Amino acid sequence: DKGFCASQNSVYYGYKLHAVCTTDGIFTDFDLTQASVQDIHYIKYIKHFYNIRRQRLSEY
């Protein structure tokens, strides 16, 4: 499986780790997805699953 990063114009293979943490930096959940899963789709899932409305979601 492969994904594409438009901002860096590069292809990557494998998996991505998505982690959920508190504002204090404590991890509360994590998940692995295939490289082709777009981050925005996973963020929408997390927002729905955790009923997040106003918190800031960041990508590091």
N, C-alpha and C. Protein backbone atom coordinates (compact mmCIF):
# COMPACT_ATOMS: atom_id res chain seq x y z
N ASP A 1 0.84 -1.17 0.00
CA ASP A 1 0.00 0.00 0.00
C ASP A 1 0.89 1.23 0.00
N LYS A 2 0.47 2.28 -0.68
CA LYS A 2 1.28 3.50 -0.72
C LYS A 2 0.39 4.72 -0.56
N GLY A 3 1.00 5.78 -0.07
CA GLY A 3 0.34 7.06 0.08
C GLY A 3 1.14 8.13 -0.63
N PHE A 4 0.58 9.30 -0.78
CA PHE A 4 1.26 10.41 -1.45
C PHE A 4 1.14 11.65 -0.60
N CYS A 5 2.26 12.33 -0.41
CA CYS A 5 2.29 13.60 0.33
C CYS A 5 2.46 14.72 -0.69
N ALA A 6 1.39 15.47 -0.94
CA ALA A 6 1.42 16.52 -1.95
C ALA A 6 2.36 17.66 -1.56
N SER A 7 2.42 18.00 -0.28
CA SER A 7 3.26 19.13 0.14
C SER A 7 4.75 18.84 -0.05
N GLN A 8 5.12 17.56 0.02
CA GLN A 8 6.53 17.19 -0.18
C GLN A 8 6.75 16.49 -1.51
N ASN A 9 5.67 16.34 -2.28
CA ASN A 9 5.73 15.68 -3.58
C ASN A 9 6.45 14.34 -3.50
N SER A 10 6.04 13.51 -2.54
CA SER A 10 6.71 12.23 -2.34
C SER A 10 5.70 11.12 -2.07
N VAL A 11 6.12 9.91 -2.40
CA VAL A 11 5.32 8.71 -2.17
C VAL A 11 5.91 7.98 -0.98
N TYR A 12 5.05 7.42 -0.13
CA TYR A 12 5.54 6.62 0.99
C TYR A 12 4.73 5.34 1.06
N TYR A 13 5.34 4.32 1.64
CA TYR A 13 4.76 2.98 1.68
C TYR A 13 4.59 2.52 3.11
N GLY A 14 3.64 1.62 3.32
CA GLY A 14 3.48 1.01 4.64
C GLY A 14 2.24 1.48 5.36
N TYR A 15 2.45 1.94 6.58
CA TYR A 15 1.35 2.29 7.48
C TYR A 15 1.60 3.65 8.13
N LYS A 16 0.54 4.22 8.69
CA LYS A 16 0.64 5.47 9.44
C LYS A 16 0.10 5.23 10.84
N LEU A 17 0.73 5.86 11.81
CA LEU A 17 0.27 5.80 13.19
C LEU A 17 -0.50 7.08 13.48
N HIS A 18 -1.74 6.94 13.93
CA HIS A 18 -2.56 8.07 14.34
C HIS A 18 -2.72 7.95 15.85
N ALA A 19 -2.39 9.00 16.57
CA ALA A 19 -2.46 8.97 18.03
C ALA A 19 -3.38 10.08 18.52
N VAL A 20 -4.13 9.79 19.58
CA VAL A 20 -5.01 10.75 20.23
C VAL A 20 -4.46 10.99 21.62
N CYS A 21 -4.30 12.27 21.97
CA CYS A 21 -3.79 12.57 23.31
C CYS A 21 -4.54 13.75 23.90
N THR A 22 -4.42 13.89 25.20
CA THR A 22 -5.04 15.01 25.91
C THR A 22 -4.21 16.26 25.68
N THR A 23 -4.71 17.40 26.11
CA THR A 23 -3.94 18.64 25.99
C THR A 23 -2.71 18.62 26.88
N ASP A 24 -2.65 17.69 27.83
CA ASP A 24 -1.47 17.52 28.68
C ASP A 24 -0.44 16.60 28.04
N GLY A 25 -0.76 16.05 26.86
CA GLY A 25 0.17 15.18 26.16
C GLY A 25 0.10 13.72 26.54
N ILE A 26 -0.97 13.32 27.22
CA ILE A 26 -1.14 11.93 27.61
C ILE A 26 -1.91 11.20 26.51
N PHE A 27 -1.31 10.13 25.97
CA PHE A 27 -1.96 9.37 24.92
C PHE A 27 -3.16 8.61 25.47
N THR A 28 -4.28 8.71 24.77
CA THR A 28 -5.50 8.02 25.19
C THR A 28 -5.92 6.95 24.21
N ASP A 29 -5.42 7.02 22.98
CA ASP A 29 -5.80 6.05 21.96
C ASP A 29 -4.83 6.15 20.80
N PHE A 30 -4.73 5.09 20.04
CA PHE A 30 -3.92 5.11 18.82
C PHE A 30 -4.48 4.10 17.84
N ASP A 31 -4.10 4.26 16.58
CA ASP A 31 -4.57 3.36 15.55
C ASP A 31 -3.57 3.36 14.40
N LEU A 32 -3.47 2.25 13.72
CA LEU A 32 -2.65 2.14 12.52
C LEU A 32 -3.58 2.09 11.32
N THR A 33 -3.23 2.83 10.27
CA THR A 33 -3.98 2.76 9.03
C THR A 33 -3.00 2.50 7.89
N GLN A 34 -3.54 2.07 6.77
CA GLN A 34 -2.71 1.92 5.58
C GLN A 34 -2.23 3.29 5.14
N ALA A 35 -1.12 3.32 4.43
CA ALA A 35 -0.53 4.59 4.00
C ALA A 35 -1.48 5.38 3.11
N SER A 36 -2.36 4.70 2.40
CA SER A 36 -3.24 5.38 1.45
C SER A 36 -4.42 6.09 2.11
N VAL A 37 -4.69 5.84 3.39
CA VAL A 37 -5.80 6.50 4.08
C VAL A 37 -5.44 7.97 4.29
N GLN A 38 -6.26 8.86 3.75
CA GLN A 38 -5.99 10.29 3.90
C GLN A 38 -6.26 10.71 5.33
N ASP A 39 -5.38 11.56 5.87
CA ASP A 39 -5.49 11.98 7.26
C ASP A 39 -6.83 12.65 7.57
N ILE A 40 -7.35 13.41 6.63
CA ILE A 40 -8.61 14.13 6.88
C ILE A 40 -9.75 13.15 7.15
N HIS A 41 -9.74 11.99 6.48
CA HIS A 41 -10.79 10.99 6.72
C HIS A 41 -10.67 10.42 8.13
N TYR A 42 -9.45 10.19 8.58
CA TYR A 42 -9.27 9.65 9.92
C TYR A 42 -9.64 10.69 10.98
N ILE A 43 -9.31 11.95 10.74
CA ILE A 43 -9.65 13.01 11.69
C ILE A 43 -11.17 13.14 11.82
N LYS A 44 -11.88 13.04 10.71
CA LYS A 44 -13.34 13.10 10.77
C LYS A 44 -13.89 11.95 11.59
N TYR A 45 -13.30 10.76 11.43
CA TYR A 45 -13.73 9.60 12.22
C TYR A 45 -13.48 9.84 13.70
N ILE A 46 -12.29 10.33 14.06
CA ILE A 46 -11.94 10.58 15.46
C ILE A 46 -12.87 11.63 16.06
N LYS A 47 -13.13 12.71 15.32
CA LYS A 47 -14.03 13.74 15.84
C LYS A 47 -15.41 13.16 16.13
N HIS A 48 -15.90 12.31 15.25
CA HIS A 48 -17.22 11.70 15.46
C HIS A 48 -17.17 10.70 16.62
N PHE A 49 -16.14 9.87 16.66
CA PHE A 49 -16.03 8.83 17.69
C PHE A 49 -15.93 9.43 19.08
N TYR A 50 -15.15 10.49 19.24
CA TYR A 50 -14.96 11.11 20.55
C TYR A 50 -15.90 12.29 20.79
N ASN A 51 -16.79 12.56 19.83
CA ASN A 51 -17.74 13.67 19.95
C ASN A 51 -17.00 14.99 20.20
N ILE A 52 -15.96 15.22 19.43
CA ILE A 52 -15.15 16.44 19.55
C ILE A 52 -15.78 17.52 18.69
N ARG A 53 -16.00 18.68 19.28
CA ARG A 53 -16.57 19.78 18.53
C ARG A 53 -15.63 20.98 18.46
N ARG A 54 -15.07 21.39 19.57
CA ARG A 54 -14.34 22.65 19.59
C ARG A 54 -12.85 22.50 19.85
N GLN A 55 -12.40 21.32 20.22
CA GLN A 55 -10.99 21.15 20.51
C GLN A 55 -10.17 21.27 19.23
N ARG A 56 -8.95 21.69 19.42
CA ARG A 56 -8.04 21.82 18.30
C ARG A 56 -7.45 20.45 17.97
N LEU A 57 -7.47 20.11 16.71
CA LEU A 57 -6.86 18.87 16.25
C LEU A 57 -5.59 19.24 15.50
N SER A 58 -4.48 18.65 15.88
CA SER A 58 -3.20 18.98 15.27
C SER A 58 -2.57 17.75 14.65
N GLU A 59 -1.74 18.01 13.67
CA GLU A 59 -0.99 16.94 13.01
C GLU A 59 0.49 17.24 13.20
N TYR A 60 1.21 16.27 13.76
CA TYR A 60 2.65 16.45 13.98
C TYR A 60 3.42 15.45 13.19
